Amino acid sequence: ASTPAASMLLRDGGATLLVTAGAYSLVRAFDALTERRLVQQSLSRKVVHVLSGVFFMASWPLFSNSTSARFFAAVVPFLNCVRLLTYGLGFYSDEALVKSVTREGKRE
């Protein structure tokens, strides 16, 4: 049998993976819509920003009430920040991502 602490760690780890995948999928969906010109770049950027915040707040109940849950939850925006930095600094290239999250379509 698992301990309550181990159960909470497993729950928080699973929630982190699920929310990270959801956040990635949200951005990817708008990348695709922008790439296919179904959504304007400026609208895509705004909707991604608004929905990302709403999605993240809506995901909070997936995490446990343990003190460590806040650190697991913080991993999601941290990974997204790292992702945007790697593309913004030119380590990787993804024009669809750049177009969906920037005003002018420039990675910088």
PDB file of N, CA and C in Angstrom:
ATOM      1  N   ALA A   1       0.842  -1.179   0.000  1.00  0.00           N
ATOM      2  CA  ALA A   1       0.000   0.000   0.000  1.00  0.00           C
ATOM      3  C   ALA A   1       0.890   1.246   0.000  1.00  0.00           C
ATOM      4  N   SER A   2       0.458   2.262  -0.705  1.00  0.00           N
ATOM      5  CA  SER A   2       1.248   3.486  -0.778  1.00  0.00           C
ATOM      6  C   SER A   2       0.864   4.424   0.364  1.00  0.00           C
ATOM      7  N   THR A   3       1.818   5.243   0.730  1.00  0.00           N
ATOM      8  CA  THR A   3       1.573   6.217   1.789  1.00  0.00           C
ATOM      9  C   THR A   3       0.809   7.404   1.214  1.00  0.00           C
ATOM     10  N   PRO A   4       0.149   8.177   2.073  1.00  0.00           N
ATOM     11  CA  PRO A   4      -0.553   9.367   1.570  1.00  0.00           C
ATOM     12  C   PRO A   4       0.396  10.341   0.867  1.00  0.00           C
ATOM     13  N   ALA A   5       1.615  10.489   1.378  1.00  0.00           N
ATOM     14  CA  ALA A   5       2.578  11.403   0.747  1.00  0.00           C
ATOM     15  C   ALA A   5       2.958  10.918  -0.637  1.00  0.00           C
ATOM     16  N   ALA A   6       3.179   9.611  -0.769  1.00  0.00           N
ATOM     17  CA  ALA A   6       3.528   9.047  -2.077  1.00  0.00           C
ATOM     18  C   ALA A   6       2.353   9.184  -3.045  1.00  0.00           C
ATOM     19  N   SER A   7       1.160   9.006  -2.522  1.00  0.00           N
ATOM     20  CA  SER A   7      -0.039   9.153  -3.346  1.00  0.00           C
ATOM     21  C   SER A   7      -0.179  10.583  -3.862  1.00  0.00           C
ATOM     22  N   MET A   8       0.110  11.564  -2.992  1.00  0.00           N
ATOM     23  CA  MET A   8       0.026  12.964  -3.418  1.00  0.00           C
ATOM     24  C   MET A   8       1.104  13.299  -4.446  1.00  0.00           C
ATOM     25  N   LEU A   9       2.299  12.767  -4.243  1.00  0.00           N
ATOM     26  CA  LEU A   9       3.377  13.003  -5.221  1.00  0.00           C
ATOM     27  C   LEU A   9       3.009  12.425  -6.577  1.00  0.00           C
ATOM     28  N   LEU A  10       2.434  11.228  -6.572  1.00  0.00           N
ATOM     29  CA  LEU A  10       2.016  10.600  -7.823  1.00  0.00           C
ATOM     30  C   LEU A  10       0.903  11.415  -8.486  1.00  0.00           C
ATOM     31  N   ARG A  11      -0.040  11.860  -7.685  1.00  0.00           N
ATOM     32  CA  ARG A  11      -1.133  12.690  -8.215  1.00  0.00           C
ATOM     33  C   ARG A  11      -0.588  13.984  -8.824  1.00  0.00           C
ATOM     34  N   ASP A  12       0.301  14.660  -8.085  1.00  0.00           N
ATOM     35  CA  ASP A  12       0.839  15.934  -8.557  1.00  0.00           C
ATOM     36  C   ASP A  12       1.727  15.749  -9.784  1.00  0.00           C
ATOM     37  N   GLY A  13       2.495  14.676  -9.806  1.00  0.00           N
ATOM     38  CA  GLY A  13       3.319  14.393 -10.988  1.00  0.00           C
ATOM     39  C   GLY A  13       2.459  14.122 -12.207  1.00  0.00           C
ATOM     40  N   GLY A  14       1.402  13.337 -12.018  1.00  0.00           N
ATOM     41  CA  GLY A  14       0.481  13.054 -13.122  1.00  0.00           C
ATOM     42  C   GLY A  14      -0.232  14.309 -13.597  1.00  0.00           C
ATOM     43  N   ALA A  15      -0.641  15.142 -12.646  1.00  0.00           N
ATOM     44  CA  ALA A  15      -1.304  16.398 -13.006  1.00  0.00           C
ATOM     45  C   ALA A  15      -0.355  17.296 -13.792  1.00  0.00           C
ATOM     46  N   THR A  16       0.909  17.335 -13.369  1.00  0.00           N
ATOM     47  CA  THR A  16       1.899  18.149 -14.074  1.00  0.00           C
ATOM     48  C   THR A  16       2.043  17.689 -15.517  1.00  0.00           C
ATOM     49  N   LEU A  17       2.145  16.379 -15.713  1.00  0.00           N
ATOM     50  CA  LEU A  17       2.270  15.845 -17.080  1.00  0.00           C
ATOM     51  C   LEU A  17       1.023  16.149 -17.910  1.00  0.00           C
ATOM     52  N   LEU A  18      -0.134  15.957 -17.313  1.00  0.00           N
ATOM     53  CA  LEU A  18      -1.392  16.191 -18.023  1.00  0.00           C
ATOM     54  C   LEU A  18      -1.557  17.666 -18.400  1.00  0.00           C
ATOM     55  N   VAL A  19      -1.294  18.559 -17.462  1.00  0.00           N
ATOM     56  CA  VAL A  19      -1.468  19.987 -17.720  1.00  0.00           C
ATOM     57  C   VAL A  19      -0.410  20.488 -18.713  1.00  0.00           C
ATOM     58  N   THR A  20       0.811  19.981 -18.612  1.00  0.00           N
ATOM     59  CA  THR A  20       1.854  20.354 -19.576  1.00  0.00           C
ATOM     60  C   THR A  20       1.451  19.925 -20.984  1.00  0.00           C
ATOM     61  N   ALA A  21       0.959  18.700 -21.115  1.00  0.00           N
ATOM     62  CA  ALA A  21       0.501  18.216 -22.422  1.00  0.00           C
ATOM     63  C   ALA A  21      -0.662  19.057 -22.938  1.00  0.00           C
ATOM     64  N   GLY A  22      -1.579  19.430 -22.046  1.00  0.00           N
ATOM     65  CA  GLY A  22      -2.713  20.256 -22.446  1.00  0.00           C
ATOM     66  C   GLY A  22      -2.285  21.639 -22.899  1.00  0.00           C
ATOM     67  N   ALA A  23      -1.349  22.242 -22.158  1.00  0.00           N
ATOM     68  CA  ALA A  23      -0.860  23.573 -22.530  1.00  0.00           C
ATOM     69  C   ALA A  23      -0.136  23.524 -23.872  1.00  0.00           C
ATOM     70  N   TYR A  24       0.671  22.494 -24.065  1.00  0.00           N
ATOM     71  CA  TYR A  24       1.385  22.322 -25.336  1.00  0.00           C
ATOM     72  C   TYR A  24       0.390  22.138 -26.483  1.00  0.00           C
ATOM     73  N   SER A  25      -0.623  21.322 -26.247  1.00  0.00           N
ATOM     74  CA  SER A  25      -1.637  21.064 -27.271  1.00  0.00           C
ATOM     75  C   SER A  25      -2.420  22.324 -27.623  1.00  0.00           C
ATOM     76  N   LEU A  26      -2.711  23.139 -26.621  1.00  0.00           N
ATOM     77  CA  LEU A  26      -3.429  24.394 -26.865  1.00  0.00           C
ATOM     78  C   LEU A  26      -2.640  25.292 -27.811  1.00  0.00           C
ATOM     79  N   VAL A  27      -1.365  25.465 -27.514  1.00  0.00           N
ATOM     80  CA  VAL A  27      -0.520  26.306 -28.374  1.00  0.00           C
ATOM     81  C   VAL A  27      -0.390  25.681 -29.751  1.00  0.00           C
ATOM     82  N   ARG A  28      -0.200  24.364 -29.812  1.00  0.00           N
ATOM     83  CA  ARG A  28      -0.065  23.673 -31.092  1.00  0.00           C
ATOM     84  C   ARG A  28      -1.326  23.829 -31.946  1.00  0.00           C
ATOM     85  N   ALA A  29      -2.484  23.758 -31.310  1.00  0.00           N
ATOM     86  CA  ALA A  29      -3.747  23.900 -32.042  1.00  0.00           C
ATOM     87  C   ALA A  29      -3.823  25.274 -32.694  1.00  0.00           C
ATOM     88  N   PHE A  30      -3.441  26.305 -31.965  1.00  0.00           N
ATOM     89  CA  PHE A  30      -3.483  27.649 -32.546  1.00  0.00           C
ATOM     90  C   PHE A  30      -2.354  27.877 -33.538  1.00  0.00           C
ATOM     91  N   ASP A  31      -1.231  27.157 -33.367  1.00  0.00           N
ATOM     92  CA  ASP A  31      -0.175  27.183 -34.395  1.00  0.00           C
ATOM     93  C   ASP A  31      -0.763  26.699 -35.718  1.00  0.00           C
ATOM     94  N   ALA A  32      -1.459  25.571 -35.640  1.00  0.00           N
ATOM     95  CA  ALA A  32      -2.029  24.966 -36.847  1.00  0.00           C
ATOM     96  C   ALA A  32      -3.097  25.863 -37.466  1.00  0.00           C
ATOM     97  N   LEU A  33      -3.946  26.451 -36.637  1.00  0.00           N
ATOM     98  CA  LEU A  33      -4.993  27.337 -37.160  1.00  0.00           C
ATOM     99  C   LEU A  33      -4.392  28.570 -37.829  1.00  0.00           C
ATOM    100  N   THR A  34      -3.336  29.105 -37.229  1.00  0.00           N
ATOM    101  CA  THR A  34      -2.662  30.263 -37.812  1.00  0.00           C
ATOM    102  C   THR A  34      -1.966  29.885 -39.104  1.00  0.00           C
ATOM    103  N   GLU A  35      -1.305  28.738 -39.091  1.00  0.00           N
ATOM    104  CA  GLU A  35      -0.579  28.255 -40.279  1.00  0.00           C
ATOM    105  C   GLU A  35      -1.538  28.044 -41.455  1.00  0.00           C
ATOM    106  N   ARG A  36      -2.729  27.535 -41.175  1.00  0.00           N
ATOM    107  CA  ARG A  36      -3.734  27.297 -42.226  1.00  0.00           C
ATOM    108  C   ARG A  36      -4.537  28.542 -42.556  1.00  0.00           C
ATOM    109  N   ARG A  37      -4.196  29.647 -41.885  1.00  0.00           N
ATOM    110  CA  ARG A  37      -4.856  30.933 -42.079  1.00  0.00           C
ATOM    111  C   ARG A  37      -6.355  30.897 -41.752  1.00  0.00           C
ATOM    112  N   LEU A  38      -6.710  30.032 -40.805  1.00  0.00           N
ATOM    113  CA  LEU A  38      -8.094  29.974 -40.334  1.00  0.00           C
ATOM    114  C   LEU A  38      -8.334  30.988 -39.220  1.00  0.00           C
ATOM    115  N   VAL A  39      -7.246  31.402 -38.566  1.00  0.00           N
ATOM    116  CA  VAL A  39      -7.299  32.400 -37.503  1.00  0.00           C
ATOM    117  C   VAL A  39      -6.187  33.397 -37.770  1.00  0.00           C
ATOM    118  N   GLN A  40      -6.504  34.667 -37.643  1.00  0.00           N
ATOM    119  CA  GLN A  40      -5.479  35.690 -37.836  1.00  0.00           C
ATOM    120  C   GLN A  40      -4.435  35.604 -36.733  1.00  0.00           C
ATOM    121  N   GLN A  41      -3.218  35.956 -37.077  1.00  0.00           N
ATOM    122  CA  GLN A  41      -2.105  35.897 -36.136  1.00  0.00           C
ATOM    123  C   GLN A  41      -2.389  36.702 -34.878  1.00  0.00           C
ATOM    124  N   SER A  42      -2.903  37.908 -35.033  1.00  0.00           N
ATOM    125  CA  SER A  42      -3.151  38.762 -33.861  1.00  0.00           C
ATOM    126  C   SER A  42      -4.222  38.161 -32.953  1.00  0.00           C
ATOM    127  N   LEU A  43      -5.255  37.578 -33.531  1.00  0.00           N
ATOM    128  CA  LEU A  43      -6.302  36.943 -32.737  1.00  0.00           C
ATOM    129  C   LEU A  43      -5.760  35.688 -32.061  1.00  0.00           C
ATOM    130  N   SER A  44      -4.981  34.907 -32.780  1.00  0.00           N
ATOM    131  CA  SER A  44      -4.397  33.691 -32.231  1.00  0.00           C
ATOM    132  C   SER A  44      -3.563  33.999 -30.999  1.00  0.00           C
ATOM    133  N   ARG A  45      -2.740  35.015 -31.097  1.00  0.00           N
ATOM    134  CA  ARG A  45      -1.868  35.390 -29.979  1.00  0.00           C
ATOM    135  C   ARG A  45      -2.693  35.742 -28.750  1.00  0.00           C
ATOM    136  N   LYS A  46      -3.723  36.546 -28.959  1.00  0.00           N
ATOM    137  CA  LYS A  46      -4.565  36.973 -27.842  1.00  0.00           C
ATOM    138  C   LYS A  46      -5.317  35.801 -27.222  1.00  0.00           C
ATOM    139  N   VAL A  47      -5.874  34.954 -28.063  1.00  0.00           N
ATOM    140  CA  VAL A  47      -6.646  33.811 -27.567  1.00  0.00           C
ATOM    141  C   VAL A  47      -5.732  32.827 -26.826  1.00  0.00           C
ATOM    142  N   VAL A  48      -4.528  32.597 -27.356  1.00  0.00           N
ATOM    143  CA  VAL A  48      -3.584  31.699 -26.683  1.00  0.00           C
ATOM    144  C   VAL A  48      -3.233  32.238 -25.301  1.00  0.00           C
ATOM    145  N   HIS A  49      -2.980  33.534 -25.203  1.00  0.00           N
ATOM    146  CA  HIS A  49      -2.639  34.110 -23.907  1.00  0.00           C
ATOM    147  C   HIS A  49      -3.796  33.995 -22.921  1.00  0.00           C
ATOM    148  N   VAL A  50      -4.995  34.320 -23.352  1.00  0.00           N
ATOM    149  CA  VAL A  50      -6.151  34.263 -22.462  1.00  0.00           C
ATOM    150  C   VAL A  50      -6.454  32.815 -22.066  1.00  0.00           C
ATOM    151  N   LEU A  51      -6.504  31.925 -23.052  1.00  0.00           N
ATOM    152  CA  LEU A  51      -6.848  30.537 -22.753  1.00  0.00           C
ATOM    153  C   LEU A  51      -5.774  29.841 -21.930  1.00  0.00           C
ATOM    154  N   SER A  52      -4.523  30.216 -22.105  1.00  0.00           N
ATOM    155  CA  SER A  52      -3.449  29.610 -21.309  1.00  0.00           C
ATOM    156  C   SER A  52      -3.656  29.899 -19.834  1.00  0.00           C
ATOM    157  N   GLY A  53      -3.983  31.127 -19.517  1.00  0.00           N
ATOM    158  CA  GLY A  53      -4.237  31.487 -18.117  1.00  0.00           C
ATOM    159  C   GLY A  53      -5.457  30.783 -17.561  1.00  0.00           C
ATOM    160  N   VAL A  54      -6.524  30.767 -18.329  1.00  0.00           N
ATOM    161  CA  VAL A  54      -7.759  30.112 -17.891  1.00  0.00           C
ATOM    162  C   VAL A  54      -7.525  28.610 -17.729  1.00  0.00           C
ATOM    163  N   PHE A  55      -6.843  28.019 -18.689  1.00  0.00           N
ATOM    164  CA  PHE A  55      -6.556  26.584 -18.629  1.00  0.00           C
ATOM    165  C   PHE A  55      -5.725  26.248 -17.388  1.00  0.00           C
ATOM    166  N   PHE A  56      -4.710  27.062 -17.120  1.00  0.00           N
ATOM    167  CA  PHE A  56      -3.850  26.806 -15.971  1.00  0.00           C
ATOM    168  C   PHE A  56      -4.629  26.930 -14.657  1.00  0.00           C
ATOM    169  N   MET A  57      -5.438  27.971 -14.535  1.00  0.00           N
ATOM    170  CA  MET A  57      -6.238  28.136 -13.312  1.00  0.00           C
ATOM    171  C   MET A  57      -7.266  27.011 -13.167  1.00  0.00           C
ATOM    172  N   ALA A  58      -7.859  26.602 -14.284  1.00  0.00           N
ATOM    173  CA  ALA A  58      -8.853  25.527 -14.243  1.00  0.00           C
ATOM    174  C   ALA A  58      -8.217  24.184 -13.877  1.00  0.00           C
ATOM    175  N   SER A  59      -6.915  24.064 -14.078  1.00  0.00           N
ATOM    176  CA  SER A  59      -6.235  22.802 -13.782  1.00  0.00           C
ATOM    177  C   SER A  59      -5.849  22.665 -12.311  1.00  0.00           C
ATOM    178  N   TRP A  60      -5.930  23.724 -11.540  1.00  0.00           N
ATOM    179  CA  TRP A  60      -5.507  23.673 -10.139  1.00  0.00           C
ATOM    180  C   TRP A  60      -6.161  22.551  -9.331  1.00  0.00           C
ATOM    181  N   PRO A  61      -7.446  22.261  -9.527  1.00  0.00           N
ATOM    182  CA  PRO A  61      -8.050  21.169  -8.747  1.00  0.00           C
ATOM    183  C   PRO A  61      -7.432  19.793  -9.027  1.00  0.00           C
ATOM    184  N   LEU A  62      -6.701  19.644 -10.126  1.00  0.00           N
ATOM    185  CA  LEU A  62      -6.050  18.371 -10.414  1.00  0.00           C
ATOM    186  C   LEU A  62      -4.895  18.095  -9.449  1.00  0.00           C
ATOM    187  N   PHE A  63      -4.338  19.147  -8.879  1.00  0.00           N
ATOM    188  CA  PHE A  63      -3.219  19.014  -7.957  1.00  0.00           C
ATOM    189  C   PHE A  63      -3.743  18.794  -6.536  1.00  0.00           C
ATOM    190  N   SER A  64      -2.915  18.146  -5.733  1.00  0.00           N
ATOM    191  CA  SER A  64      -3.304  17.884  -4.343  1.00  0.00           C
ATOM    192  C   SER A  64      -3.194  19.158  -3.507  1.00  0.00           C
ATOM    193  N   ASN A  65      -3.531  19.039  -2.247  1.00  0.00           N
ATOM    194  CA  ASN A  65      -3.427  20.166  -1.319  1.00  0.00           C
ATOM    195  C   ASN A  65      -2.078  20.187  -0.595  1.00  0.00           C
ATOM    196  N   SER A  66      -1.166  19.318  -0.982  1.00  0.00           N
ATOM    197  CA  SER A  66       0.130  19.259  -0.302  1.00  0.00           C
ATOM    198  C   SER A  66       0.953  20.507  -0.608  1.00  0.00           C
ATOM    199  N   THR A  67       1.897  20.787   0.250  1.00  0.00           N
ATOM    200  CA  THR A  67       2.779  21.944   0.065  1.00  0.00           C
ATOM    201  C   THR A  67       3.584  21.827  -1.222  1.00  0.00           C
ATOM    202  N   SER A  68       3.992  20.610  -1.564  1.00  0.00           N
ATOM    203  CA  SER A  68       4.821  20.413  -2.763  1.00  0.00           C
ATOM    204  C   SER A  68       4.026  20.588  -4.057  1.00  0.00           C
ATOM    205  N   ALA A  69       2.696  20.570  -3.981  1.00  0.00           N
ATOM    206  CA  ALA A  69       1.875  20.685  -5.194  1.00  0.00           C
ATOM    207  C   ALA A  69       2.138  21.996  -5.922  1.00  0.00           C
ATOM    208  N   ARG A  70       2.402  23.054  -5.187  1.00  0.00           N
ATOM    209  CA  ARG A  70       2.658  24.348  -5.828  1.00  0.00           C
ATOM    210  C   ARG A  70       3.896  24.301  -6.715  1.00  0.00           C
ATOM    211  N   PHE A  71       4.884  23.486  -6.317  1.00  0.00           N
ATOM    212  CA  PHE A  71       6.097  23.366  -7.120  1.00  0.00           C
ATOM    213  C   PHE A  71       5.832  22.552  -8.387  1.00  0.00           C
ATOM    214  N   PHE A  72       5.015  21.511  -8.242  1.00  0.00           N
ATOM    215  CA  PHE A  72       4.625  20.738  -9.422  1.00  0.00           C
ATOM    216  C   PHE A  72       3.843  21.619 -10.393  1.00  0.00           C
ATOM    217  N   ALA A  73       2.913  22.409  -9.862  1.00  0.00           N
ATOM    218  CA  ALA A  73       2.118  23.295 -10.716  1.00  0.00           C
ATOM    219  C   ALA A  73       2.995  24.342 -11.387  1.00  0.00           C
ATOM    220  N   ALA A  74       4.022  24.820 -10.701  1.00  0.00           N
ATOM    221  CA  ALA A  74       4.916  25.840 -11.260  1.00  0.00           C
ATOM    222  C   ALA A  74       5.760  25.304 -12.414  1.00  0.00           C
ATOM    223  N   VAL A  75       5.892  23.996 -12.492  1.00  0.00           N
ATOM    224  CA  VAL A  75       6.668  23.393 -13.585  1.00  0.00           C
ATOM    225  C   VAL A  75       6.032  23.721 -14.938  1.00  0.00           C
ATOM    226  N   VAL A  76       4.717  23.771 -14.988  1.00  0.00           N
ATOM    227  CA  VAL A  76       4.016  23.980 -16.266  1.00  0.00           C
ATOM    228  C   VAL A  76       4.368  25.328 -16.895  1.00  0.00           C
ATOM    229  N   PRO A  77       4.169  26.456 -16.227  1.00  0.00           N
ATOM    230  CA  PRO A  77       4.550  27.722 -16.861  1.00  0.00           C
ATOM    231  C   PRO A  77       6.072  27.842 -17.038  1.00  0.00           C
ATOM    232  N   PHE A  78       6.845  27.209 -16.145  1.00  0.00           N
ATOM    233  CA  PHE A  78       8.298  27.247 -16.297  1.00  0.00           C
ATOM    234  C   PHE A  78       8.721  26.558 -17.587  1.00  0.00           C
ATOM    235  N   LEU A  79       8.175  25.379 -17.863  1.00  0.00           N
ATOM    236  CA  LEU A  79       8.515  24.670 -19.096  1.00  0.00           C
ATOM    237  C   LEU A  79       8.072  25.456 -20.328  1.00  0.00           C
ATOM    238  N   ASN A  80       6.921  26.093 -20.237  1.00  0.00           N
ATOM    239  CA  ASN A  80       6.452  26.910 -21.361  1.00  0.00           C
ATOM    240  C   ASN A  80       7.385  28.095 -21.579  1.00  0.00           C
ATOM    241  N   CYS A  81       7.840  28.696 -20.500  1.00  0.00           N
ATOM    242  CA  CYS A  81       8.785  29.812 -20.591  1.00  0.00           C
ATOM    243  C   CYS A  81      10.096  29.357 -21.239  1.00  0.00           C
ATOM    244  N   VAL A  82      10.603  28.216 -20.809  1.00  0.00           N
ATOM    245  CA  VAL A  82      11.836  27.671 -21.385  1.00  0.00           C
ATOM    246  C   VAL A  82      11.634  27.387 -22.873  1.00  0.00           C
ATOM    247  N   ARG A  83      10.485  26.837 -23.200  1.00  0.00           N
ATOM    248  CA  ARG A  83      10.175  26.539 -24.613  1.00  0.00           C
ATOM    249  C   ARG A  83      10.197  27.812 -25.447  1.00  0.00           C
ATOM    250  N   LEU A  84       9.526  28.844 -24.961  1.00  0.00           N
ATOM    251  CA  LEU A  84       9.487  30.103 -25.712  1.00  0.00           C
ATOM    252  C   LEU A  84      10.870  30.740 -25.803  1.00  0.00           C
ATOM    253  N   LEU A  85      11.647  30.647 -24.747  1.00  0.00           N
ATOM    254  CA  LEU A  85      13.012  31.193 -24.774  1.00  0.00           C
ATOM    255  C   LEU A  85      13.892  30.470 -25.793  1.00  0.00           C
ATOM    256  N   THR A  86      13.780  29.146 -25.852  1.00  0.00           N
ATOM    257  CA  THR A  86      14.630  28.408 -26.792  1.00  0.00           C
ATOM    258  C   THR A  86      14.301  28.768 -28.239  1.00  0.00           C
ATOM    259  N   TYR A  87      13.031  29.004 -28.530  1.00  0.00           N
ATOM    260  CA  TYR A  87      12.657  29.419 -29.884  1.00  0.00           C
ATOM    261  C   TYR A  87      12.988  30.893 -30.106  1.00  0.00           C
ATOM    262  N   GLY A  88      12.747  31.713 -29.088  1.00  0.00           N
ATOM    263  CA  GLY A  88      13.026  33.143 -29.208  1.00  0.00           C
ATOM    264  C   GLY A  88      14.499  33.447 -29.368  1.00  0.00           C
ATOM    265  N   LEU A  89      15.347  32.661 -28.721  1.00  0.00           N
ATOM    266  CA  LEU A  89      16.795  32.867 -28.827  1.00  0.00           C
ATOM    267  C   LEU A  89      17.402  32.178 -30.046  1.00  0.00           C
ATOM    268  N   GLY A  90      16.575  31.445 -30.786  1.00  0.00           N
ATOM    269  CA  GLY A  90      17.037  30.838 -32.030  1.00  0.00           C
ATOM    270  C   GLY A  90      17.677  29.473 -31.894  1.00  0.00           C
ATOM    271  N   PHE A  91      17.558  28.830 -30.723  1.00  0.00           N
ATOM    272  CA  PHE A  91      18.102  27.482 -30.572  1.00  0.00           C
ATOM    273  C   PHE A  91      17.330  26.486 -31.424  1.00  0.00           C
ATOM    274  N   TYR A  92      16.044  26.731 -31.592  1.00  0.00           N
ATOM    275  CA  TYR A  92      15.179  25.912 -32.436  1.00  0.00           C
ATOM    276  C   TYR A  92      14.343  26.847 -33.285  1.00  0.00           C
ATOM    277  N   SER A  93      13.780  26.312 -34.352  1.00  0.00           N
ATOM    278  CA  SER A  93      12.960  27.127 -35.242  1.00  0.00           C
ATOM    279  C   SER A  93      11.578  26.494 -35.407  1.00  0.00           C
ATOM    280  N   ASP A  94      10.565  27.288 -35.252  1.00  0.00           N
ATOM    281  CA  ASP A  94       9.186  26.853 -35.456  1.00  0.00           C
ATOM    282  C   ASP A  94       8.377  28.077 -35.845  1.00  0.00           C
ATOM    283  N   GLU A  95       8.283  28.306 -37.140  1.00  0.00           N
ATOM    284  CA  GLU A  95       7.613  29.504 -37.636  1.00  0.00           C
ATOM    285  C   GLU A  95       6.152  29.579 -37.219  1.00  0.00           C
ATOM    286  N   ALA A  96       5.472  28.445 -37.180  1.00  0.00           N
ATOM    287  CA  ALA A  96       4.060  28.455 -36.781  1.00  0.00           C
ATOM    288  C   ALA A  96       3.920  28.917 -35.335  1.00  0.00           C
ATOM    289  N   LEU A  97       4.789  28.438 -34.466  1.00  0.00           N
ATOM    290  CA  LEU A  97       4.757  28.873 -33.068  1.00  0.00           C
ATOM    291  C   LEU A  97       5.029  30.363 -32.965  1.00  0.00           C
ATOM    292  N   VAL A  98       6.040  30.821 -33.664  1.00  0.00           N
ATOM    293  CA  VAL A  98       6.407  32.240 -33.625  1.00  0.00           C
ATOM    294  C   VAL A  98       5.241  33.098 -34.095  1.00  0.00           C
ATOM    295  N   LYS A  99       4.602  32.690 -35.165  1.00  0.00           N
ATOM    296  CA  LYS A  99       3.482  33.475 -35.702  1.00  0.00           C
ATOM    297  C   LYS A  99       2.275  33.477 -34.764  1.00  0.00           C
ATOM    298  N   SER A 100       2.078  32.388 -34.043  1.00  0.00           N
ATOM    299  CA  SER A 100       0.880  32.323 -33.204  1.00  0.00           C
ATOM    300  C   SER A 100       1.039  33.036 -31.862  1.00  0.00           C
ATOM    301  N   VAL A 101       2.270  33.311 -31.430  1.00  0.00           N
ATOM    302  CA  VAL A 101       2.441  33.922 -30.110  1.00  0.00           C
ATOM    303  C   VAL A 101       3.124  35.289 -30.133  1.00  0.00           C
ATOM    304  N   THR A 102       3.449  35.797 -31.311  1.00  0.00           N
ATOM    305  CA  THR A 102       4.102  37.113 -31.378  1.00  0.00           C
ATOM    306  C   THR A 102       3.233  38.100 -32.136  1.00  0.00           C
ATOM    307  N   ARG A 103       3.504  39.368 -31.913  1.00  0.00           N
ATOM    308  CA  ARG A 103       2.746  40.421 -32.599  1.00  0.00           C
ATOM    309  C   ARG A 103       3.186  40.575 -34.048  1.00  0.00           C
ATOM    310  N   GLU A 104       4.483  40.560 -34.272  1.00  0.00           N
ATOM    311  CA  GLU A 104       5.019  40.871 -35.593  1.00  0.00           C
ATOM    312  C   GLU A 104       5.535  39.669 -36.350  1.00  0.00           C
ATOM    313  N   GLY A 105       5.442  38.485 -35.774  1.00  0.00           N
ATOM    314  CA  GLY A 105       5.889  37.272 -36.455  1.00  0.00           C
ATOM    315  C   GLY A 105       7.405  37.117 -36.448  1.00  0.00           C
ATOM    316  N   LYS A 106       8.072  37.813 -35.533  1.00  0.00           N
ATOM    317  CA  LYS A 106       9.528  37.708 -35.421  1.00  0.00           C
ATOM    318  C   LYS A 106       9.845  36.967 -34.126  1.00  0.00           C
ATOM    319  N   ARG A 107      10.806  36.069 -34.185  1.00  0.00           N
ATOM    320  CA  ARG A 107      11.132  35.267 -33.007  1.00  0.00           C
ATOM    321  C   ARG A 107      11.687  36.102 -31.862  1.00  0.00           C
ATOM    322  N   GLU A 108      12.318  37.225 -32.176  1.00  0.00           N
ATOM    323  CA  GLU A 108      12.896  38.062 -31.134  1.00  0.00           C
ATOM    324  C   GLU A 108      11.816  38.661 -30.268  1.00  0.00           C
TER     325      GLU A 108
END
